[in-house]
Amino acid sequence: MAQVDWKDVKGTVSNIMSVGSGGRGGHFYAITFSYMVDGHYYGGEFTVASAQNYTEGGTIQVKYNPENPEQNNLDGRGGVGLWINWAMTVGGAAFIVYLIVIRGCSTH
């Protein structure tokens, strides 16, 4: 089976939303975007630590799979992005449990 070369298309940032805070007072932002292939709109969402490089209505570069245009390199709802989000959630929950159970028990 031959590897498919993904194609480039310009996408549009449709929404930027603060979705929570990270460690040390940082924030995470959900960037929602859309792009058009052969007259059909597709979209997705990804998370970044800084939204300063994005503006609502601004353009972004998207790579998509020409055999399945819904697949793109930015969408964090599947593939590697999903695993990164899952790992961050589990890691954060484990840290909170550590703070409550371990640190909470060691108060004098």
N, C-alpha and C. Protein backbone atom coordinates (compact mmCIF):
# COMPACT_ATOMS: atom_id res chain seq x y z
N MET A 1 0.85 -1.18 0.00
CA MET A 1 0.00 0.00 0.00
C MET A 1 0.89 1.24 0.00
N ALA A 2 0.69 2.12 -0.95
CA ALA A 2 1.51 3.32 -1.08
C ALA A 2 1.11 4.36 -0.04
N GLN A 3 2.10 5.08 0.43
CA GLN A 3 1.84 6.16 1.38
C GLN A 3 1.23 7.34 0.64
N VAL A 4 0.22 7.94 1.23
CA VAL A 4 -0.46 9.08 0.63
C VAL A 4 0.25 10.36 1.07
N ASP A 5 0.53 11.24 0.12
CA ASP A 5 1.08 12.55 0.45
C ASP A 5 -0.05 13.48 0.84
N TRP A 6 0.03 14.01 2.05
CA TRP A 6 -1.00 14.92 2.51
C TRP A 6 -0.83 16.26 1.82
N LYS A 7 -1.93 16.95 1.58
CA LYS A 7 -1.92 18.20 0.85
C LYS A 7 -2.09 19.38 1.80
N ASP A 8 -1.58 20.54 1.37
CA ASP A 8 -1.71 21.77 2.13
C ASP A 8 -2.94 22.56 1.70
N VAL A 9 -3.57 23.20 2.67
CA VAL A 9 -4.69 24.10 2.39
C VAL A 9 -4.68 25.17 3.48
N LYS A 10 -5.15 26.34 3.14
CA LYS A 10 -5.28 27.39 4.15
C LYS A 10 -6.57 27.19 4.91
N GLY A 11 -6.46 27.26 6.23
CA GLY A 11 -7.62 27.15 7.09
C GLY A 11 -7.91 28.48 7.75
N THR A 12 -9.04 28.57 8.40
CA THR A 12 -9.45 29.79 9.09
C THR A 12 -9.70 29.48 10.56
N VAL A 13 -9.13 30.29 11.44
CA VAL A 13 -9.37 30.16 12.88
C VAL A 13 -10.76 30.72 13.15
N SER A 14 -11.64 29.89 13.69
CA SER A 14 -13.01 30.33 13.93
C SER A 14 -13.27 30.70 15.39
N ASN A 15 -12.45 30.17 16.32
CA ASN A 15 -12.69 30.48 17.73
C ASN A 15 -11.42 30.22 18.53
N ILE A 16 -11.18 31.05 19.51
CA ILE A 16 -10.08 30.86 20.47
C ILE A 16 -10.71 30.97 21.85
N MET A 17 -10.54 29.92 22.65
CA MET A 17 -11.17 29.91 23.96
C MET A 17 -10.20 29.41 25.02
N SER A 18 -10.13 30.10 26.14
CA SER A 18 -9.32 29.64 27.27
C SER A 18 -10.02 28.43 27.88
N VAL A 19 -9.30 27.31 27.98
CA VAL A 19 -9.93 26.08 28.45
C VAL A 19 -9.39 25.61 29.79
N GLY A 20 -8.51 26.35 30.40
CA GLY A 20 -8.02 25.95 31.70
C GLY A 20 -6.63 26.47 31.93
N SER A 21 -6.18 26.23 33.13
CA SER A 21 -4.85 26.70 33.47
C SER A 21 -3.91 25.52 33.66
N GLY A 22 -2.69 25.75 33.31
CA GLY A 22 -1.66 24.74 33.50
C GLY A 22 -0.90 25.07 34.77
N GLY A 23 0.19 24.42 34.97
CA GLY A 23 1.02 24.68 36.12
C GLY A 23 1.64 26.06 36.05
N ARG A 24 1.93 26.61 37.20
CA ARG A 24 2.62 27.90 37.32
C ARG A 24 1.85 29.05 36.68
N GLY A 25 0.54 28.98 36.74
CA GLY A 25 -0.28 30.09 36.29
C GLY A 25 -0.48 30.20 34.79
N GLY A 26 0.00 29.25 34.01
CA GLY A 26 -0.19 29.29 32.57
C GLY A 26 -1.60 28.89 32.18
N HIS A 27 -1.97 29.20 30.97
CA HIS A 27 -3.30 28.85 30.46
C HIS A 27 -3.16 27.98 29.23
N PHE A 28 -4.21 27.24 28.93
CA PHE A 28 -4.32 26.49 27.68
C PHE A 28 -5.47 27.07 26.89
N TYR A 29 -5.32 27.07 25.58
CA TYR A 29 -6.34 27.63 24.70
C TYR A 29 -6.75 26.60 23.67
N ALA A 30 -8.06 26.50 23.43
CA ALA A 30 -8.58 25.63 22.38
C ALA A 30 -8.75 26.50 21.13
N ILE A 31 -8.12 26.08 20.05
CA ILE A 31 -8.21 26.77 18.78
C ILE A 31 -9.11 25.93 17.87
N THR A 32 -10.25 26.49 17.46
CA THR A 32 -11.16 25.82 16.54
C THR A 32 -10.92 26.40 15.16
N PHE A 33 -10.87 25.51 14.15
CA PHE A 33 -10.56 25.96 12.80
C PHE A 33 -11.39 25.21 11.78
N SER A 34 -11.44 25.77 10.58
CA SER A 34 -12.13 25.11 9.46
C SER A 34 -11.29 25.29 8.20
N TYR A 35 -11.55 24.41 7.24
CA TYR A 35 -10.87 24.48 5.95
C TYR A 35 -11.77 23.85 4.90
N MET A 36 -11.55 24.19 3.64
CA MET A 36 -12.39 23.69 2.58
C MET A 36 -11.59 22.84 1.60
N VAL A 37 -12.17 21.69 1.24
CA VAL A 37 -11.58 20.80 0.24
C VAL A 37 -12.68 20.40 -0.72
N ASP A 38 -12.48 20.68 -1.99
CA ASP A 38 -13.44 20.33 -3.04
C ASP A 38 -14.87 20.79 -2.72
N GLY A 39 -14.99 22.00 -2.20
CA GLY A 39 -16.30 22.57 -1.92
C GLY A 39 -16.95 22.12 -0.63
N HIS A 40 -16.27 21.28 0.17
CA HIS A 40 -16.81 20.80 1.44
C HIS A 40 -15.97 21.38 2.58
N TYR A 41 -16.67 21.81 3.65
CA TYR A 41 -15.98 22.34 4.82
C TYR A 41 -15.67 21.22 5.81
N TYR A 42 -14.49 21.31 6.38
CA TYR A 42 -14.06 20.40 7.44
C TYR A 42 -13.49 21.26 8.55
N GLY A 43 -13.31 20.67 9.70
CA GLY A 43 -12.77 21.46 10.80
C GLY A 43 -12.18 20.60 11.88
N GLY A 44 -11.72 21.26 12.90
CA GLY A 44 -11.14 20.56 14.02
C GLY A 44 -10.80 21.52 15.13
N GLU A 45 -10.10 20.99 16.11
CA GLU A 45 -9.72 21.76 17.28
C GLU A 45 -8.41 21.23 17.81
N PHE A 46 -7.56 22.12 18.28
CA PHE A 46 -6.33 21.71 18.94
C PHE A 46 -6.07 22.64 20.11
N THR A 47 -5.19 22.24 21.00
CA THR A 47 -4.91 22.98 22.21
C THR A 47 -3.47 23.49 22.18
N VAL A 48 -3.29 24.73 22.60
CA VAL A 48 -1.96 25.34 22.66
C VAL A 48 -1.79 26.02 24.00
N ALA A 49 -0.53 26.22 24.39
CA ALA A 49 -0.22 26.90 25.64
C ALA A 49 -0.26 28.42 25.47
N SER A 50 -0.08 28.89 24.26
CA SER A 50 -0.12 30.33 23.99
C SER A 50 -0.91 30.58 22.71
N ALA A 51 -1.85 31.51 22.80
CA ALA A 51 -2.68 31.82 21.64
C ALA A 51 -2.19 33.06 20.90
N GLN A 52 -1.03 33.56 21.25
CA GLN A 52 -0.57 34.82 20.66
C GLN A 52 -0.32 34.73 19.16
N ASN A 53 -0.10 33.55 18.61
CA ASN A 53 0.13 33.41 17.17
C ASN A 53 -1.16 33.18 16.39
N TYR A 54 -2.30 33.25 17.06
CA TYR A 54 -3.58 32.97 16.41
C TYR A 54 -4.55 34.13 16.65
N THR A 55 -5.34 34.43 15.64
CA THR A 55 -6.41 35.42 15.78
C THR A 55 -7.67 34.86 15.14
N GLU A 56 -8.82 35.15 15.75
CA GLU A 56 -10.08 34.71 15.16
C GLU A 56 -10.22 35.34 13.78
N GLY A 57 -10.53 34.53 12.80
CA GLY A 57 -10.62 34.98 11.43
C GLY A 57 -9.30 34.92 10.68
N GLY A 58 -8.22 34.65 11.41
CA GLY A 58 -6.90 34.55 10.79
C GLY A 58 -6.72 33.22 10.08
N THR A 59 -5.67 33.13 9.28
CA THR A 59 -5.42 31.91 8.53
C THR A 59 -4.35 31.06 9.20
N ILE A 60 -4.48 29.76 9.01
CA ILE A 60 -3.48 28.80 9.47
C ILE A 60 -3.25 27.78 8.35
N GLN A 61 -2.09 27.17 8.36
CA GLN A 61 -1.77 26.15 7.38
C GLN A 61 -2.23 24.79 7.90
N VAL A 62 -2.98 24.07 7.10
CA VAL A 62 -3.50 22.75 7.47
C VAL A 62 -3.03 21.74 6.43
N LYS A 63 -2.57 20.59 6.89
CA LYS A 63 -2.30 19.47 5.99
C LYS A 63 -3.43 18.47 6.18
N TYR A 64 -3.96 17.96 5.06
CA TYR A 64 -5.07 17.01 5.14
C TYR A 64 -4.79 15.81 4.24
N ASN A 65 -5.45 14.71 4.57
CA ASN A 65 -5.33 13.47 3.83
C ASN A 65 -6.29 13.54 2.64
N PRO A 66 -5.78 13.55 1.40
CA PRO A 66 -6.68 13.67 0.24
C PRO A 66 -7.64 12.48 0.09
N GLU A 67 -7.29 11.34 0.67
CA GLU A 67 -8.18 10.18 0.61
C GLU A 67 -9.28 10.25 1.66
N ASN A 68 -9.06 11.05 2.70
CA ASN A 68 -10.04 11.25 3.76
C ASN A 68 -9.85 12.68 4.29
N PRO A 69 -10.43 13.68 3.63
CA PRO A 69 -10.16 15.09 3.97
C PRO A 69 -10.50 15.49 5.40
N GLU A 70 -11.27 14.68 6.12
CA GLU A 70 -11.54 14.99 7.53
C GLU A 70 -10.28 14.86 8.37
N GLN A 71 -9.33 14.04 7.93
CA GLN A 71 -8.09 13.85 8.67
C GLN A 71 -7.15 15.01 8.37
N ASN A 72 -6.67 15.64 9.43
CA ASN A 72 -5.71 16.73 9.27
C ASN A 72 -4.65 16.66 10.34
N ASN A 73 -3.60 17.43 10.17
CA ASN A 73 -2.47 17.37 11.08
C ASN A 73 -2.65 18.20 12.34
N LEU A 74 -3.72 18.96 12.46
CA LEU A 74 -3.89 19.83 13.61
C LEU A 74 -4.91 19.34 14.62
N ASP A 75 -5.90 18.61 14.17
CA ASP A 75 -7.03 18.21 15.02
C ASP A 75 -6.56 17.38 16.20
N GLY A 76 -6.79 17.89 17.41
CA GLY A 76 -6.37 17.19 18.62
C GLY A 76 -7.40 16.23 19.16
N ARG A 77 -8.49 16.01 18.44
CA ARG A 77 -9.54 15.12 18.95
C ARG A 77 -9.28 13.66 18.61
N GLY A 78 -8.21 13.36 17.93
CA GLY A 78 -7.91 11.98 17.57
C GLY A 78 -6.42 11.83 17.37
N GLY A 79 -5.97 10.63 17.23
CA GLY A 79 -4.55 10.38 16.97
C GLY A 79 -3.67 10.80 18.13
N VAL A 80 -2.52 11.34 17.82
CA VAL A 80 -1.53 11.72 18.83
C VAL A 80 -2.08 12.78 19.77
N GLY A 81 -2.82 13.75 19.22
CA GLY A 81 -3.36 14.82 20.05
C GLY A 81 -4.23 14.29 21.16
N LEU A 82 -5.03 13.27 20.88
CA LEU A 82 -5.88 12.67 21.88
C LEU A 82 -5.05 12.06 23.00
N TRP A 83 -3.98 11.37 22.65
CA TRP A 83 -3.11 10.76 23.66
C TRP A 83 -2.41 11.81 24.50
N ILE A 84 -2.00 12.91 23.90
CA ILE A 84 -1.35 13.97 24.66
C ILE A 84 -2.34 14.57 25.65
N ASN A 85 -3.56 14.87 25.19
CA ASN A 85 -4.58 15.41 26.10
C ASN A 85 -4.89 14.43 27.21
N TRP A 86 -4.99 13.14 26.88
CA TRP A 86 -5.27 12.12 27.89
C TRP A 86 -4.14 12.07 28.92
N ALA A 87 -2.90 12.07 28.46
CA ALA A 87 -1.75 12.01 29.36
C ALA A 87 -1.69 13.22 30.28
N MET A 88 -2.01 14.40 29.74
CA MET A 88 -2.01 15.60 30.57
C MET A 88 -3.10 15.52 31.63
N THR A 89 -4.27 15.00 31.28
CA THR A 89 -5.37 14.88 32.23
C THR A 89 -5.02 13.90 33.33
N VAL A 90 -4.52 12.73 32.96
CA VAL A 90 -4.16 11.72 33.96
C VAL A 90 -3.02 12.21 34.85
N GLY A 91 -2.02 12.83 34.23
CA GLY A 91 -0.90 13.36 35.01
C GLY A 91 -1.34 14.42 35.99
N GLY A 92 -2.23 15.31 35.55
CA GLY A 92 -2.74 16.35 36.44
C GLY A 92 -3.54 15.78 37.59
N ALA A 93 -4.37 14.79 37.29
CA ALA A 93 -5.17 14.14 38.34
C ALA A 93 -4.27 13.43 39.35
N ALA A 94 -3.23 12.75 38.85
CA ALA A 94 -2.30 12.06 39.76
C ALA A 94 -1.59 13.06 40.66
N PHE A 95 -1.22 14.21 40.12
CA PHE A 95 -0.53 15.22 40.91
C PHE A 95 -1.46 15.77 41.99
N ILE A 96 -2.73 15.99 41.67
CA ILE A 96 -3.69 16.49 42.65
C ILE A 96 -3.87 15.46 43.77
N VAL A 97 -3.99 14.20 43.40
CA VAL A 97 -4.11 13.14 44.42
C VAL A 97 -2.88 13.14 45.31
N TYR A 98 -1.70 13.26 44.71
CA TYR A 98 -0.45 13.33 45.48
C TYR A 98 -0.50 14.48 46.48
N LEU A 99 -0.91 15.66 46.02
CA LEU A 99 -0.95 16.82 46.91
C LEU A 99 -1.92 16.61 48.05
N ILE A 100 -3.07 16.04 47.77
CA ILE A 100 -4.09 15.87 48.80
C ILE A 100 -3.71 14.76 49.77
N VAL A 101 -3.34 13.60 49.23
CA VAL A 101 -3.09 12.43 50.08
C VAL A 101 -1.73 12.50 50.76
N ILE A 102 -0.68 12.67 50.00
CA ILE A 102 0.67 12.62 50.56
C ILE A 102 1.00 13.89 51.33
N ARG A 103 0.82 15.02 50.70
CA ARG A 103 1.16 16.29 51.34
C ARG A 103 0.18 16.61 52.47
N GLY A 104 -1.10 16.27 52.26
CA GLY A 104 -2.13 16.54 53.27
C GLY A 104 -1.90 15.74 54.53
N CYS A 105 -1.35 14.54 54.41
CA CYS A 105 -1.10 13.67 55.56
C CYS A 105 0.15 14.09 56.32
N SER A 106 1.01 14.90 55.72
CA SER A 106 2.27 15.23 56.38
C SER A 106 2.23 16.58 57.07
N THR A 107 1.01 17.13 57.32
CA THR A 107 0.93 18.40 58.05
C THR A 107 1.16 18.12 59.53
N HIS A 108 1.79 19.04 60.20
CA HIS A 108 2.13 18.83 61.61
C HIS A 108 1.28 19.67 62.49
